[in-house]
Amino acid sequence: MESKETKLALYLFLLLGLGLTSCNKDDKTDLPLNSILEKTWTLKSVQNTNSLQILYFPDIPTKLTIEFAENKILNFIGICNSGGGNYDLENNKITITSLITTEVFCSNIEWEEITVQSLPKAKRFELTGNKLIIYCEDSYNLVFE
């Protein structure tokens, strides 16, 4: 016959085991992806990752947008050009690959170039209110609304 102490120890051991296995989630994101997907995000500012200087754009960003489709395709519409690529989300990590764009030249293309060059360097993202911030390595962090 088992003692109360043995039963209690066994019970606590089982609870501890259940607690530890429930913390072992897979690497897929639990964030509300509907907040990111199928929405048009408009560039509002960029932050230089080296100097931490934030640049705001008058008027121009209303023409610079990205959209994440459910099929893991990223669509990009710039000031003069458009394009797309593939993306993958895991937790708060983001990877953007195979980004291609048209190559039409026009004035005020600097913001478009910054965005296109930064997206493949994306490492993680953050949703804060109605803002999507994409943190890029050795480049510019991109702030969309």
N, C-alpha and C. Protein backbone atom coordinates (compact mmCIF):
# COMPACT_ATOMS: atom_id res chain seq x y z
N MET A 1 0.84 -1.18 0.00
CA MET A 1 0.00 0.00 0.00
C MET A 1 0.89 1.25 0.00
N GLU A 2 0.54 2.18 -0.87
CA GLU A 2 1.34 3.40 -1.00
C GLU A 2 0.97 4.42 0.07
N SER A 3 1.96 5.15 0.53
CA SER A 3 1.70 6.19 1.52
C SER A 3 1.22 7.46 0.83
N LYS A 4 0.65 8.35 1.63
CA LYS A 4 0.18 9.63 1.10
C LYS A 4 1.33 10.43 0.52
N GLU A 5 2.51 10.36 1.13
CA GLU A 5 3.68 11.09 0.67
C GLU A 5 4.11 10.59 -0.71
N THR A 6 4.06 9.29 -0.91
CA THR A 6 4.44 8.71 -2.20
C THR A 6 3.47 9.14 -3.29
N LYS A 7 2.18 9.09 -2.97
CA LYS A 7 1.15 9.52 -3.94
C LYS A 7 1.31 11.00 -4.28
N LEU A 8 1.57 11.82 -3.26
CA LEU A 8 1.75 13.25 -3.47
C LEU A 8 2.98 13.52 -4.32
N ALA A 9 4.07 12.82 -4.05
CA ALA A 9 5.30 12.99 -4.83
C ALA A 9 5.07 12.59 -6.28
N LEU A 10 4.36 11.47 -6.50
CA LEU A 10 4.05 11.02 -7.86
C LEU A 10 3.17 12.04 -8.58
N TYR A 11 2.17 12.55 -7.89
CA TYR A 11 1.28 13.56 -8.46
C TYR A 11 2.05 14.83 -8.85
N LEU A 12 2.91 15.30 -7.97
CA LEU A 12 3.70 16.50 -8.27
C LEU A 12 4.67 16.25 -9.42
N PHE A 13 5.24 15.06 -9.49
CA PHE A 13 6.14 14.70 -10.58
C PHE A 13 5.40 14.73 -11.93
N LEU A 14 4.18 14.18 -11.95
CA LEU A 14 3.37 14.18 -13.18
C LEU A 14 2.99 15.61 -13.58
N LEU A 15 2.61 16.43 -12.61
CA LEU A 15 2.27 17.83 -12.93
C LEU A 15 3.47 18.57 -13.49
N LEU A 16 4.63 18.37 -12.91
CA LEU A 16 5.85 19.01 -13.39
C LEU A 16 6.15 18.56 -14.82
N GLY A 17 6.01 17.27 -15.08
CA GLY A 17 6.25 16.75 -16.43
C GLY A 17 5.29 17.34 -17.44
N LEU A 18 4.02 17.45 -17.10
CA LEU A 18 3.04 18.05 -18.00
C LEU A 18 3.36 19.53 -18.25
N GLY A 19 3.76 20.20 -17.20
CA GLY A 19 4.11 21.62 -17.34
C GLY A 19 5.28 21.84 -18.27
N LEU A 20 6.30 20.99 -18.14
CA LEU A 20 7.48 21.14 -18.99
C LEU A 20 7.18 20.80 -20.45
N THR A 21 6.38 19.78 -20.70
CA THR A 21 6.08 19.44 -22.09
C THR A 21 5.15 20.46 -22.72
N SER A 22 4.30 21.10 -21.95
CA SER A 22 3.42 22.11 -22.55
C SER A 22 4.19 23.36 -22.92
N CYS A 23 5.37 23.57 -22.33
CA CYS A 23 6.20 24.72 -22.69
C CYS A 23 7.03 24.43 -23.93
N ASN A 24 7.09 23.22 -24.36
CA ASN A 24 7.89 22.85 -25.51
C ASN A 24 7.06 22.95 -26.78
N LYS A 25 6.85 24.16 -27.26
CA LYS A 25 6.06 24.39 -28.46
C LYS A 25 6.94 24.26 -29.68
N ASP A 26 6.30 24.05 -30.83
CA ASP A 26 7.10 24.06 -32.05
C ASP A 26 7.45 25.50 -32.39
N ASP A 27 8.28 25.68 -33.41
CA ASP A 27 8.80 27.01 -33.73
C ASP A 27 7.85 27.86 -34.55
N LYS A 28 6.68 27.39 -34.85
CA LYS A 28 5.74 28.18 -35.64
C LYS A 28 5.16 29.30 -34.79
N THR A 29 4.83 30.38 -35.43
CA THR A 29 4.35 31.56 -34.70
C THR A 29 2.94 31.36 -34.16
N ASP A 30 2.69 31.89 -32.98
CA ASP A 30 1.36 31.90 -32.41
C ASP A 30 0.75 33.29 -32.52
N LEU A 31 1.44 34.18 -33.21
CA LEU A 31 0.93 35.53 -33.38
C LEU A 31 -0.28 35.51 -34.30
N PRO A 32 -1.15 36.49 -34.18
CA PRO A 32 -2.33 36.53 -35.06
C PRO A 32 -1.91 36.88 -36.49
N LEU A 33 -1.64 35.85 -37.28
CA LEU A 33 -1.16 36.08 -38.64
C LEU A 33 -2.16 36.84 -39.49
N ASN A 34 -3.44 36.75 -39.15
CA ASN A 34 -4.43 37.52 -39.90
C ASN A 34 -4.17 39.01 -39.81
N SER A 35 -3.45 39.42 -38.76
CA SER A 35 -3.10 40.84 -38.63
C SER A 35 -2.03 41.25 -39.63
N ILE A 36 -1.25 40.29 -40.12
CA ILE A 36 -0.18 40.57 -41.07
C ILE A 36 -0.60 40.23 -42.49
N LEU A 37 -1.25 39.08 -42.63
CA LEU A 37 -1.59 38.56 -43.95
C LEU A 37 -2.74 39.31 -44.60
N GLU A 38 -2.69 39.30 -45.92
CA GLU A 38 -3.78 39.85 -46.73
C GLU A 38 -4.13 41.29 -46.37
N LYS A 39 -3.14 42.03 -45.92
CA LYS A 39 -3.33 43.45 -45.61
C LYS A 39 -2.27 44.22 -46.37
N THR A 40 -2.61 45.38 -46.86
CA THR A 40 -1.64 46.23 -47.53
C THR A 40 -0.97 47.11 -46.48
N TRP A 41 0.36 46.98 -46.38
CA TRP A 41 1.15 47.74 -45.42
C TRP A 41 1.86 48.86 -46.16
N THR A 42 1.71 50.09 -45.68
CA THR A 42 2.30 51.27 -46.30
C THR A 42 3.51 51.74 -45.50
N LEU A 43 4.64 51.94 -46.19
CA LEU A 43 5.86 52.39 -45.54
C LEU A 43 5.67 53.79 -44.95
N LYS A 44 6.02 53.95 -43.68
CA LYS A 44 5.90 55.24 -43.01
C LYS A 44 7.25 55.84 -42.65
N SER A 45 8.22 54.98 -42.29
CA SER A 45 9.55 55.48 -41.95
C SER A 45 10.54 54.33 -42.02
N VAL A 46 11.80 54.70 -42.02
CA VAL A 46 12.89 53.71 -41.93
C VAL A 46 13.87 54.20 -40.87
N GLN A 47 14.59 53.25 -40.28
CA GLN A 47 15.59 53.59 -39.29
C GLN A 47 16.91 52.94 -39.70
N ASN A 48 17.94 53.76 -39.85
CA ASN A 48 19.25 53.25 -40.17
C ASN A 48 19.75 52.42 -39.00
N THR A 49 20.10 51.16 -39.23
CA THR A 49 20.50 50.28 -38.13
C THR A 49 21.88 50.63 -37.57
N ASN A 50 22.67 51.37 -38.32
CA ASN A 50 24.00 51.78 -37.83
C ASN A 50 23.93 53.05 -37.01
N SER A 51 23.27 54.09 -37.54
CA SER A 51 23.21 55.38 -36.85
C SER A 51 21.97 55.52 -35.97
N LEU A 52 20.99 54.63 -36.14
CA LEU A 52 19.70 54.68 -35.45
C LEU A 52 18.88 55.91 -35.81
N GLN A 53 19.29 56.63 -36.85
CA GLN A 53 18.53 57.79 -37.31
C GLN A 53 17.25 57.32 -37.99
N ILE A 54 16.14 57.97 -37.63
CA ILE A 54 14.85 57.64 -38.23
C ILE A 54 14.54 58.65 -39.32
N LEU A 55 14.14 58.14 -40.47
CA LEU A 55 13.79 58.99 -41.60
C LEU A 55 12.29 58.86 -41.87
N TYR A 56 11.61 59.99 -41.91
CA TYR A 56 10.19 60.02 -42.24
C TYR A 56 10.05 60.61 -43.63
N PHE A 57 9.09 60.10 -44.36
CA PHE A 57 8.94 60.55 -45.75
C PHE A 57 7.64 61.31 -45.93
N PRO A 58 7.72 62.50 -46.49
CA PRO A 58 6.48 63.21 -46.81
C PRO A 58 5.91 62.63 -48.10
N ASP A 59 4.65 62.38 -48.14
CA ASP A 59 3.90 62.00 -49.35
C ASP A 59 4.38 60.70 -50.02
N ILE A 60 5.66 60.49 -50.16
CA ILE A 60 6.17 59.37 -50.95
C ILE A 60 5.69 58.00 -50.46
N PRO A 61 5.70 57.70 -49.16
CA PRO A 61 5.38 56.34 -48.74
C PRO A 61 3.97 55.89 -49.08
N THR A 62 3.07 56.83 -49.31
CA THR A 62 1.72 56.40 -49.64
C THR A 62 1.73 55.59 -50.92
N LYS A 63 2.81 55.65 -51.66
CA LYS A 63 2.94 54.90 -52.89
C LYS A 63 3.79 53.65 -52.72
N LEU A 64 4.31 53.40 -51.53
CA LEU A 64 5.21 52.29 -51.32
C LEU A 64 4.58 51.30 -50.34
N THR A 65 4.15 50.14 -50.85
CA THR A 65 3.42 49.18 -50.03
C THR A 65 3.95 47.76 -50.21
N ILE A 66 3.69 46.94 -49.20
CA ILE A 66 3.95 45.50 -49.30
C ILE A 66 2.71 44.77 -48.81
N GLU A 67 2.59 43.53 -49.26
CA GLU A 67 1.47 42.69 -48.84
C GLU A 67 1.96 41.25 -48.72
N PHE A 68 1.59 40.59 -47.62
CA PHE A 68 1.94 39.20 -47.38
C PHE A 68 0.73 38.34 -47.70
N ALA A 69 0.81 37.54 -48.76
CA ALA A 69 -0.29 36.66 -49.12
C ALA A 69 -0.21 35.37 -48.32
N GLU A 70 -1.32 34.67 -48.17
CA GLU A 70 -1.35 33.43 -47.40
C GLU A 70 -0.47 32.34 -47.99
N ASN A 71 -0.19 32.40 -49.29
CA ASN A 71 0.63 31.37 -49.94
C ASN A 71 2.13 31.65 -49.81
N LYS A 72 2.50 32.51 -48.84
CA LYS A 72 3.89 32.86 -48.54
C LYS A 72 4.56 33.63 -49.68
N ILE A 73 3.76 34.38 -50.41
CA ILE A 73 4.26 35.27 -51.46
C ILE A 73 4.16 36.70 -50.95
N LEU A 74 5.24 37.45 -51.09
CA LEU A 74 5.30 38.86 -50.73
C LEU A 74 5.13 39.68 -52.00
N ASN A 75 4.21 40.62 -51.99
CA ASN A 75 4.02 41.53 -53.12
C ASN A 75 4.49 42.91 -52.71
N PHE A 76 5.13 43.59 -53.63
CA PHE A 76 5.73 44.90 -53.39
C PHE A 76 5.28 45.86 -54.49
N ILE A 77 4.77 47.01 -54.09
CA ILE A 77 4.45 48.07 -55.05
C ILE A 77 5.19 49.31 -54.60
N GLY A 78 6.10 49.76 -55.44
CA GLY A 78 6.93 50.91 -55.11
C GLY A 78 6.47 52.16 -55.81
N ILE A 79 7.32 53.15 -55.79
CA ILE A 79 7.03 54.44 -56.40
C ILE A 79 7.00 54.30 -57.92
N CYS A 80 7.95 53.55 -58.45
CA CYS A 80 8.03 53.32 -59.90
C CYS A 80 7.97 51.85 -60.27
N ASN A 81 8.35 50.99 -59.36
CA ASN A 81 8.51 49.57 -59.66
C ASN A 81 7.61 48.71 -58.80
N SER A 82 7.50 47.48 -59.20
CA SER A 82 6.76 46.50 -58.41
C SER A 82 7.52 45.19 -58.47
N GLY A 83 7.15 44.27 -57.61
CA GLY A 83 7.83 42.99 -57.59
C GLY A 83 7.27 42.10 -56.52
N GLY A 84 8.04 41.08 -56.20
CA GLY A 84 7.59 40.15 -55.19
C GLY A 84 8.69 39.18 -54.82
N GLY A 85 8.36 38.30 -53.93
CA GLY A 85 9.30 37.30 -53.46
C GLY A 85 8.59 36.32 -52.56
N ASN A 86 9.35 35.55 -51.84
CA ASN A 86 8.82 34.57 -50.90
C ASN A 86 9.14 35.01 -49.48
N TYR A 87 8.31 34.60 -48.54
CA TYR A 87 8.60 34.90 -47.14
C TYR A 87 8.26 33.69 -46.29
N ASP A 88 8.85 33.66 -45.10
CA ASP A 88 8.54 32.63 -44.12
C ASP A 88 8.51 33.29 -42.75
N LEU A 89 7.54 32.93 -41.94
CA LEU A 89 7.41 33.45 -40.58
C LEU A 89 7.53 32.32 -39.58
N GLU A 90 8.36 32.51 -38.57
CA GLU A 90 8.47 31.59 -37.44
C GLU A 90 8.62 32.43 -36.19
N ASN A 91 7.70 32.25 -35.25
CA ASN A 91 7.64 33.10 -34.07
C ASN A 91 7.67 34.55 -34.54
N ASN A 92 8.63 35.33 -34.10
CA ASN A 92 8.72 36.71 -34.58
C ASN A 92 9.82 36.86 -35.62
N LYS A 93 10.30 35.74 -36.17
CA LYS A 93 11.35 35.79 -37.19
C LYS A 93 10.72 35.81 -38.57
N ILE A 94 11.36 36.54 -39.47
CA ILE A 94 10.88 36.62 -40.84
C ILE A 94 12.07 36.45 -41.78
N THR A 95 11.85 35.70 -42.83
CA THR A 95 12.85 35.51 -43.86
C THR A 95 12.20 35.85 -45.19
N ILE A 96 12.86 36.72 -45.96
CA ILE A 96 12.36 37.10 -47.28
C ILE A 96 13.40 36.70 -48.31
N THR A 97 12.98 35.90 -49.28
CA THR A 97 13.91 35.38 -50.29
C THR A 97 13.35 35.59 -51.69
N SER A 98 14.21 35.41 -52.66
CA SER A 98 13.85 35.45 -54.08
C SER A 98 13.11 36.73 -54.46
N LEU A 99 13.51 37.85 -53.87
CA LEU A 99 12.87 39.13 -54.17
C LEU A 99 13.31 39.62 -55.54
N ILE A 100 12.35 39.88 -56.41
CA ILE A 100 12.65 40.43 -57.73
C ILE A 100 11.76 41.66 -57.95
N THR A 101 12.27 42.62 -58.68
CA THR A 101 11.49 43.83 -58.99
C THR A 101 11.74 44.23 -60.43
N THR A 102 10.82 45.03 -60.94
CA THR A 102 11.07 45.66 -62.23
C THR A 102 12.16 46.70 -62.01
N GLU A 103 12.72 47.23 -63.08
CA GLU A 103 13.83 48.18 -62.95
C GLU A 103 13.59 49.46 -63.73
N VAL A 104 12.47 50.08 -63.48
CA VAL A 104 12.15 51.35 -64.11
C VAL A 104 12.79 52.46 -63.28
N PHE A 105 13.45 53.40 -63.94
CA PHE A 105 14.06 54.52 -63.22
C PHE A 105 13.10 55.71 -63.22
N CYS A 106 13.02 56.39 -62.08
CA CYS A 106 12.26 57.63 -61.98
C CYS A 106 12.82 58.44 -60.81
N SER A 107 12.35 59.65 -60.64
CA SER A 107 12.83 60.48 -59.52
C SER A 107 12.23 59.97 -58.21
N ASN A 108 12.81 60.37 -57.11
CA ASN A 108 12.38 59.98 -55.76
C ASN A 108 12.37 58.46 -55.56
N ILE A 109 13.30 57.79 -56.17
CA ILE A 109 13.34 56.33 -56.06
C ILE A 109 14.17 55.85 -54.86
N GLU A 110 14.82 56.76 -54.15
CA GLU A 110 15.69 56.40 -53.04
C GLU A 110 14.96 55.54 -52.00
N TRP A 111 13.73 55.90 -51.62
CA TRP A 111 12.99 55.17 -50.59
C TRP A 111 12.65 53.76 -51.08
N GLU A 112 12.36 53.66 -52.34
CA GLU A 112 12.07 52.35 -52.92
C GLU A 112 13.33 51.47 -52.89
N GLU A 113 14.45 52.05 -53.24
CA GLU A 113 15.71 51.30 -53.22
C GLU A 113 16.07 50.84 -51.81
N ILE A 114 15.88 51.72 -50.83
CA ILE A 114 16.15 51.36 -49.43
C ILE A 114 15.28 50.16 -49.03
N THR A 115 14.03 50.20 -49.38
CA THR A 115 13.10 49.13 -49.01
C THR A 115 13.46 47.82 -49.70
N VAL A 116 13.70 47.87 -51.00
CA VAL A 116 14.02 46.65 -51.77
C VAL A 116 15.34 46.05 -51.30
N GLN A 117 16.30 46.87 -50.96
CA GLN A 117 17.58 46.36 -50.49
C GLN A 117 17.51 45.84 -49.06
N SER A 118 16.59 46.37 -48.26
CA SER A 118 16.48 45.97 -46.86
C SER A 118 15.67 44.69 -46.67
N LEU A 119 14.64 44.49 -47.46
CA LEU A 119 13.75 43.34 -47.24
C LEU A 119 14.48 41.99 -47.20
N PRO A 120 15.42 41.71 -48.10
CA PRO A 120 16.11 40.41 -48.00
C PRO A 120 16.99 40.28 -46.75
N LYS A 121 17.24 41.38 -46.06
CA LYS A 121 18.05 41.35 -44.84
C LYS A 121 17.18 41.29 -43.59
N ALA A 122 15.87 41.10 -43.79
CA ALA A 122 14.93 41.05 -42.67
C ALA A 122 15.24 39.85 -41.78
N LYS A 123 15.21 40.07 -40.47
CA LYS A 123 15.50 39.02 -39.50
C LYS A 123 14.32 38.75 -38.57
N ARG A 124 13.61 39.81 -38.16
CA ARG A 124 12.47 39.62 -37.27
C ARG A 124 11.47 40.73 -37.50
N PHE A 125 10.28 40.54 -36.96
CA PHE A 125 9.24 41.55 -37.10
C PHE A 125 8.52 41.72 -35.76
N GLU A 126 7.80 42.83 -35.68
CA GLU A 126 7.06 43.13 -34.46
C GLU A 126 5.77 43.84 -34.87
N LEU A 127 4.68 43.42 -34.28
CA LEU A 127 3.40 44.11 -34.45
C LEU A 127 3.14 44.92 -33.20
N THR A 128 3.02 46.23 -33.37
CA THR A 128 2.74 47.13 -32.26
C THR A 128 1.57 48.00 -32.66
N GLY A 129 0.41 47.73 -32.10
CA GLY A 129 -0.79 48.47 -32.50
C GLY A 129 -1.05 48.21 -33.97
N ASN A 130 -1.13 49.29 -34.75
CA ASN A 130 -1.36 49.15 -36.19
C ASN A 130 -0.05 49.23 -36.99
N LYS A 131 1.08 49.09 -36.31
CA LYS A 131 2.39 49.18 -36.97
C LYS A 131 3.02 47.81 -37.12
N LEU A 132 3.63 47.60 -38.27
CA LEU A 132 4.46 46.43 -38.52
C LEU A 132 5.88 46.94 -38.67
N ILE A 133 6.76 46.50 -37.79
CA ILE A 133 8.16 46.89 -37.86
C ILE A 133 8.96 45.67 -38.30
N ILE A 134 9.71 45.82 -39.38
CA ILE A 134 10.57 44.75 -39.87
C ILE A 134 12.01 45.16 -39.57
N TYR A 135 12.67 44.36 -38.74
CA TYR A 135 14.05 44.64 -38.34
C TYR A 135 14.99 43.93 -39.32
N CYS A 136 15.87 44.70 -39.92
CA CYS A 136 16.77 44.19 -40.94
C CYS A 136 18.22 44.33 -40.48
N GLU A 137 19.02 43.34 -40.82
CA GLU A 137 20.42 43.32 -40.40
C GLU A 137 21.28 44.21 -41.30
N ASP A 138 22.12 45.05 -40.69
CA ASP A 138 23.06 45.92 -41.43
C ASP A 138 22.39 46.69 -42.56
N SER A 139 21.28 47.30 -42.24
CA SER A 139 20.52 47.99 -43.29
C SER A 139 19.61 49.02 -42.63
N TYR A 140 18.34 48.99 -42.99
CA TYR A 140 17.33 49.88 -42.43
C TYR A 140 16.20 49.04 -41.85
N ASN A 141 15.71 49.42 -40.68
CA ASN A 141 14.48 48.84 -40.16
C ASN A 141 13.33 49.55 -40.84
N LEU A 142 12.31 48.81 -41.21
CA LEU A 142 11.20 49.36 -41.99
C LEU A 142 9.95 49.40 -41.13
N VAL A 143 9.29 50.57 -41.10
CA VAL A 143 8.07 50.74 -40.30
C VAL A 143 6.91 50.95 -41.25
N PHE A 144 5.94 50.05 -41.17
CA PHE A 144 4.74 50.10 -42.01
C PHE A 144 3.51 50.29 -41.17
N GLU A 145 2.50 50.87 -41.73
CA GLU A 145 1.17 50.94 -41.10
C GLU A 145 0.13 50.49 -42.09
